Protein backbone atom coordinates (compact mmCIF):
# COMPACT_ATOMS: atom_id res chain seq x y z
CA UNK A 1 132.29 21.66 256.13
CA UNK A 2 130.96 23.92 258.90
CA UNK A 3 127.65 25.67 258.20
CA UNK A 4 127.35 29.45 258.33
CA UNK A 5 126.32 30.62 261.81
CA UNK A 6 122.66 31.36 262.46
CA UNK A 7 123.34 34.55 264.43
CA UNK A 8 124.04 38.03 263.10
CA UNK A 9 127.14 40.15 263.50
CA UNK A 10 125.33 42.81 265.54
CA UNK A 11 126.01 46.58 265.56
CA UNK A 12 128.38 48.20 268.02
CA UNK A 13 127.37 51.66 269.26
CA UNK A 14 129.39 54.19 271.26
CA UNK A 15 127.55 56.44 273.69
CA UNK A 16 128.45 60.04 274.40
CA UNK A 17 130.35 60.39 277.70
CA UNK A 18 127.32 62.14 279.20
CA UNK A 19 124.99 59.19 278.61
CA UNK A 20 125.64 57.83 282.11
CA UNK A 21 126.77 58.96 285.55
CA UNK A 22 130.10 57.24 284.88
CA UNK A 23 131.05 60.03 282.46
CA UNK A 24 132.66 57.41 280.24
CA UNK A 25 131.98 56.66 276.57
CA UNK A 26 130.39 53.18 276.60
CA UNK A 27 130.63 50.62 273.84
CA UNK A 28 127.24 48.88 273.47
CA UNK A 29 127.16 45.49 271.74
CA UNK A 30 123.57 45.40 270.51
CA UNK A 31 122.66 41.71 270.73
CA UNK A 32 119.04 42.69 271.35
CA UNK A 33 118.96 42.92 267.54
CA UNK A 34 119.57 39.19 266.99
CA UNK A 35 116.72 37.47 265.06
CA UNK A 36 115.74 35.63 268.26
CA UNK A 37 115.73 38.87 270.27
CA UNK A 38 118.75 38.05 272.41
CA UNK A 39 122.37 36.90 272.47
CA UNK A 40 121.16 33.33 273.07
CA UNK A 41 121.10 32.57 269.34
CA UNK A 42 124.90 32.69 269.28
CA UNK A 43 125.40 29.71 271.55
CA UNK A 44 122.11 27.87 271.15
CA UNK A 45 122.38 28.15 267.37
CA UNK A 46 125.95 26.84 267.51
CA UNK A 47 124.94 23.85 269.65
CA UNK A 48 121.83 23.05 267.60
CA UNK A 49 123.88 23.12 264.39
CA UNK A 50 126.41 20.74 265.94
CA UNK A 51 123.66 18.34 267.00
CA UNK A 52 121.98 18.35 263.57
CA UNK A 53 125.32 17.93 261.77
CA UNK A 54 125.84 14.86 263.96
CA UNK A 55 122.52 13.27 263.11
CA UNK A 56 119.94 14.85 265.42
CA UNK A 57 116.41 14.67 264.01
CA UNK A 58 114.69 16.29 266.99
CA UNK A 59 115.78 18.74 269.69
CA UNK A 60 114.55 19.32 273.24
CA UNK A 61 115.48 22.35 275.34
CA UNK A 62 114.32 23.76 278.67
CA UNK A 63 114.05 27.51 278.98
CA UNK A 64 112.39 30.40 280.75
CA UNK A 65 112.12 32.08 277.36
CA UNK A 66 115.15 33.39 275.50
CA UNK A 67 117.02 30.12 274.98
CA UNK A 68 113.72 28.58 273.96
CA UNK A 69 113.02 31.03 271.17
CA UNK A 70 116.66 30.76 270.04
CA UNK A 71 116.30 26.97 269.83
CA UNK A 72 112.96 27.36 268.04
CA UNK A 73 114.54 29.73 265.52
CA UNK A 74 117.49 27.37 265.05
CA UNK A 75 115.24 24.35 264.58
CA UNK A 76 113.20 26.16 261.95
CA UNK A 77 116.37 27.22 260.12
CA UNK A 78 117.82 23.70 260.30
CA UNK A 79 114.59 21.88 259.44
CA UNK A 80 114.23 19.82 262.61
CA UNK A 81 111.34 19.78 265.12
CA UNK A 82 112.02 21.42 268.47
CA UNK A 83 110.22 21.04 271.79
CA UNK A 84 110.74 23.68 274.49
CA UNK A 85 109.86 22.85 278.09
CA UNK A 86 109.11 25.98 280.12
CA UNK A 87 108.31 26.30 283.83
CA UNK A 88 104.94 27.65 284.99
CA UNK A 89 106.57 31.02 285.69
CA UNK A 90 107.12 31.67 281.96
CA UNK A 91 104.58 34.28 280.87
CA UNK A 92 101.83 33.29 278.44
CA UNK A 93 102.97 35.82 275.83
CA UNK A 94 106.51 34.40 275.91
CA UNK A 95 105.14 30.86 275.43
CA UNK A 96 103.10 32.14 272.48
CA UNK A 97 106.15 33.79 270.93
CA UNK A 98 108.14 30.55 271.16
CA UNK A 99 105.26 28.58 269.65
CA UNK A 100 104.84 31.14 266.87
CA UNK A 101 108.51 30.63 265.97
CA UNK A 102 107.69 27.00 265.22
CA UNK A 103 108.41 25.03 268.39
CA UNK A 104 106.18 22.74 270.43
CA UNK A 105 105.86 24.28 273.91
CA UNK A 106 105.29 22.18 277.04
CA UNK A 107 104.77 23.58 280.53
CA UNK A 108 106.27 21.53 283.35
CA UNK A 109 107.28 22.37 286.92
CA UNK A 110 107.28 25.50 289.01
CA UNK A 111 110.97 26.31 288.43
CA UNK A 112 113.54 25.93 285.65
CA UNK A 113 115.23 22.94 287.34
CA UNK A 114 112.03 20.88 287.08
CA UNK A 115 111.41 21.91 283.47
CA UNK A 116 115.00 21.05 282.64
CA UNK A 117 114.85 17.58 284.21
CA UNK A 118 111.67 16.89 282.22
CA UNK A 119 113.31 18.03 278.96
CA UNK A 120 116.27 15.71 279.61
CA UNK A 121 113.92 12.77 280.28
CA UNK A 122 111.87 13.44 277.15
CA UNK A 123 114.95 13.72 274.95
CA UNK A 124 116.30 10.45 276.33
CA UNK A 125 113.00 8.61 275.83
CA UNK A 126 112.71 9.80 272.22
CA UNK A 127 116.42 9.34 271.43
CA UNK A 128 116.49 13.03 270.56
CA UNK A 129 119.13 15.67 271.25
CA UNK A 130 118.99 17.76 274.39
CA UNK A 131 120.28 21.35 274.27
CA UNK A 132 121.08 22.99 277.62
CA UNK A 133 120.32 26.73 277.75
CA UNK A 134 123.57 27.78 279.45
CA UNK A 135 125.84 24.88 280.45
CA UNK A 136 127.75 23.46 277.48
CA UNK A 137 131.20 24.29 275.97
CA UNK A 138 129.74 24.76 272.47
CA UNK A 139 127.28 27.30 273.84
CA UNK A 140 130.14 29.24 275.36
CA UNK A 141 132.07 28.98 272.10
CA UNK A 142 129.07 30.48 270.28
CA UNK A 143 128.63 33.31 272.78
CA UNK A 144 132.35 34.11 272.50
CA UNK A 145 131.74 35.33 268.95
CA UNK A 146 130.44 38.63 270.33
CA UNK A 147 133.96 39.42 271.56
CA UNK A 148 135.42 38.25 268.22
CA UNK A 149 133.17 40.76 266.44
CA UNK A 150 134.08 43.68 268.70
CA UNK A 151 137.80 42.93 268.31
CA UNK A 152 137.41 42.57 264.52
CA UNK A 153 135.93 46.08 264.40
CA UNK A 154 139.04 47.43 266.08
CA UNK A 155 137.15 48.77 269.09
CA UNK A 156 139.37 49.31 272.12
CA UNK A 157 137.74 48.32 275.41
CA UNK A 158 139.20 47.71 278.85
CA UNK A 159 136.38 45.93 280.69
CA UNK A 160 133.20 44.05 279.80
CA UNK A 161 129.92 44.49 281.68
CA UNK A 162 127.42 41.66 281.36
CA UNK A 163 124.31 40.32 283.03
CA UNK A 164 124.51 36.83 284.54
CA UNK A 165 121.79 34.19 284.85
CA UNK A 166 123.03 30.63 284.61
CA UNK A 167 126.35 31.99 283.41
CA UNK A 168 126.56 30.84 279.80
CA UNK A 169 127.05 34.38 278.52
CA UNK A 170 129.72 35.10 281.13
CA UNK A 171 131.54 31.89 280.19
CA UNK A 172 131.37 32.85 276.52
CA UNK A 173 132.72 36.33 277.13
CA UNK A 174 135.66 34.94 279.11
CA UNK A 175 136.31 32.44 276.30
CA UNK A 176 136.16 35.25 273.74
CA UNK A 177 138.60 37.40 275.70
CA UNK A 178 140.93 34.44 276.12
CA UNK A 179 141.05 33.52 272.44
CA UNK A 180 141.66 37.14 271.47
CA UNK A 181 144.60 37.54 273.85
CA UNK A 182 142.66 39.77 276.28
CA UNK A 183 143.04 37.75 279.45
CA UNK A 184 143.80 40.91 281.44
CA UNK A 185 140.45 42.55 280.58
CA UNK A 186 138.14 42.19 283.60
CA UNK A 187 134.47 41.25 283.41
CA UNK A 188 131.87 42.90 285.64
CA UNK A 189 129.16 40.29 286.23
CA UNK A 190 125.80 41.83 287.12
CA UNK A 191 122.75 40.25 288.75
CA UNK A 192 119.54 41.62 290.22
CA UNK A 193 118.57 41.26 293.86
CA UNK A 194 116.49 38.11 294.14
CA UNK A 195 118.30 36.35 291.28
CA UNK A 196 121.91 36.70 292.42
CA UNK A 197 123.04 33.07 292.56
CA UNK A 198 126.61 33.83 291.39
CA UNK A 199 127.06 36.64 293.92
CA UNK A 200 125.78 34.44 296.75
CA UNK A 201 128.00 31.55 295.65
CA UNK A 202 131.16 33.67 295.49
CA UNK A 203 130.46 35.12 298.96
CA UNK A 204 129.92 31.63 300.39
CA UNK A 205 132.81 30.12 298.40
CA UNK A 206 130.51 27.30 297.30
CA UNK A 207 127.81 26.93 294.65
CA UNK A 208 124.63 28.14 296.27
CA UNK A 209 121.15 27.16 295.12
CA UNK A 210 118.73 30.01 295.75
CA UNK A 211 115.47 28.94 297.42
CA UNK A 212 113.50 30.94 294.86
CA UNK A 213 113.81 33.66 292.22
CA UNK A 214 112.13 36.82 293.48
CA UNK A 215 113.42 39.33 290.91
CA UNK A 216 111.31 40.49 287.96
CA UNK A 217 114.41 39.82 285.85
CA UNK A 218 113.29 36.22 285.50
CA UNK A 219 115.62 35.61 282.55
CA UNK A 220 118.34 35.72 285.21
CA UNK A 221 116.36 33.10 287.08
CA UNK A 222 118.84 30.24 287.38
CA UNK A 223 118.76 29.24 291.03
CA UNK A 224 122.31 27.90 290.63
CA UNK A 225 125.05 28.87 288.17
CA UNK A 226 126.92 26.28 286.12
CA UNK A 227 129.90 24.72 287.89
CA UNK A 228 132.28 26.00 285.20
CA UNK A 229 131.01 29.54 285.79
CA UNK A 230 131.53 29.29 289.55
CA UNK A 231 135.16 28.33 288.83
CA UNK A 232 135.79 31.17 286.35
CA UNK A 233 136.85 33.87 288.87
CA UNK A 234 139.84 31.68 289.72
CA UNK A 235 140.91 31.84 286.06
CA UNK A 236 139.94 35.35 284.99
CA UNK A 237 139.39 38.74 286.69
CA UNK A 238 135.64 38.86 287.40
CA UNK A 239 133.82 41.25 289.72
CA UNK A 240 130.33 40.27 290.87
CA UNK A 241 127.87 43.08 291.61
CA UNK A 242 124.13 43.38 292.25
CA UNK A 243 121.56 45.99 291.24
CA UNK A 244 117.88 46.34 292.18
CA UNK A 245 114.88 45.63 289.98
CA UNK A 246 114.18 49.38 290.02
CA UNK A 247 117.72 50.09 288.77
CA UNK A 248 117.26 47.60 285.94
CA UNK A 249 113.89 49.00 284.90
CA UNK A 250 115.19 52.58 284.93
CA UNK A 251 118.06 51.50 282.66
CA UNK A 252 115.62 49.78 280.25
CA UNK A 253 113.54 52.96 279.95
CA UNK A 254 116.58 55.17 279.49
CA UNK A 255 117.99 52.86 276.83
CA UNK A 256 114.64 52.68 275.02
CA UNK A 257 114.47 56.48 274.87
CA UNK A 258 118.05 56.79 273.62
CA UNK A 259 118.20 53.88 271.15
CA UNK A 260 114.54 53.00 270.34
CA UNK A 261 115.23 49.37 271.37
CA UNK A 262 113.31 47.48 274.07
CA UNK A 263 115.22 45.14 276.39
CA UNK A 264 114.27 43.05 279.42
CA UNK A 265 115.21 44.01 283.00
CA UNK A 266 117.66 41.09 282.82
CA UNK A 267 119.52 43.15 280.21
CA UNK A 268 118.80 46.42 282.01
CA UNK A 269 120.86 45.09 284.92
CA UNK A 270 124.06 45.42 282.88
CA UNK A 271 123.01 48.80 281.45
CA UNK A 272 122.32 50.07 284.98
CA UNK A 273 125.92 49.66 286.13
CA UNK A 274 127.21 52.87 284.51
CA UNK A 275 124.72 54.86 286.62
CA UNK A 276 124.28 52.82 289.80
CA UNK A 277 127.91 51.73 290.18
CA UNK A 278 129.46 54.63 288.30
CA UNK A 279 132.45 54.67 290.64
CA UNK A 280 133.29 51.10 289.68
CA UNK A 281 133.91 52.22 286.10
CA UNK A 282 136.20 55.12 287.00
CA UNK A 283 139.37 53.09 286.55
CA UNK A 284 138.38 52.19 282.98
CA UNK A 285 138.47 54.32 279.84
CA UNK A 286 136.22 52.39 277.44
CA UNK A 287 133.82 49.91 279.06
CA UNK A 288 132.01 47.45 276.78
CA UNK A 289 128.43 46.57 277.76
CA UNK A 290 126.81 43.47 276.34
CA UNK A 291 123.22 44.52 275.54
CA UNK A 292 121.91 40.97 275.69
CA UNK A 293 118.28 41.79 274.86
CA UNK A 294 115.42 39.42 275.70
CA UNK A 295 111.90 38.75 274.43
CA UNK A 296 110.10 39.20 277.76
CA UNK A 297 109.46 42.91 277.25
CA UNK A 298 106.83 45.14 275.64
CA UNK A 299 105.72 48.76 275.84
CA UNK A 300 102.91 47.66 278.14
CA UNK A 301 105.27 45.76 280.46
CA UNK A 302 107.70 48.69 280.60
CA UNK A 303 104.81 50.96 281.55
CA UNK A 304 103.70 48.60 284.33
CA UNK A 305 107.25 48.21 285.65
CA UNK A 306 107.71 51.97 285.64
CA UNK A 307 104.53 52.41 287.69
CA UNK A 308 105.61 49.70 290.13
CA UNK A 309 109.26 50.58 290.66
CA UNK A 310 109.88 54.22 289.72
């Protein structure tokens, strides 16, 4: 018997055509309203449930923030201890939020890759389960449920706009489109300048590892995308585009004013497309934007970002 999922079926909103420079009505899938604050609970919750159903008594995960709090939430719901390994770049308030959700938080390494290697080693030494934040088929299967929900509501959409970090969300969206018979619906994959590992990889025709993440959208801070994600454009229509940190921040502020919901710049990147790349959306009638959310945001941070970038 499969347990009920830990994530919510989140609301779907439709903007007025005048909301953005695209002049299009935009479907907004509001995953910022998940209990963990982001879409991550879909896949991380799915994978954690699988591990516990198969005997896991302890879970380790590496994360810059959002996967960590999703794993912490899942562990609390499932009754197993969770340890999250974060890199030094993860803000103190984000670490505190993860800890307050019930997880043990360890700081290791200057970048995600180092934190991740440490989490893998710890899990192995303790014979515990390791949950990757973006690179696992069950994660993608969990993230695909967002497309299932939109389709179940009968919403007609002809493209999907999503932010990309390590690529787990992108992989899930493609899986969701595939299993709902929507293989012709293109995905617009959005990154910020300074965190655009997918864009760089597609241009070079090989998986590139960025030397560093220089964008404030540090939730997009995977220096290299998953191998499966790099291969996806050969299997599904995907367009890779880049926006600036300023574009992402402006979109966060605009969205907060319109919907009274705070989201990270990593999420603002996808929301920015309808204004910054409005021409790209002209060939579509009903774009769907995944509002992926994120816990690394506050009124104070939005104010500081506005002063810095706008």
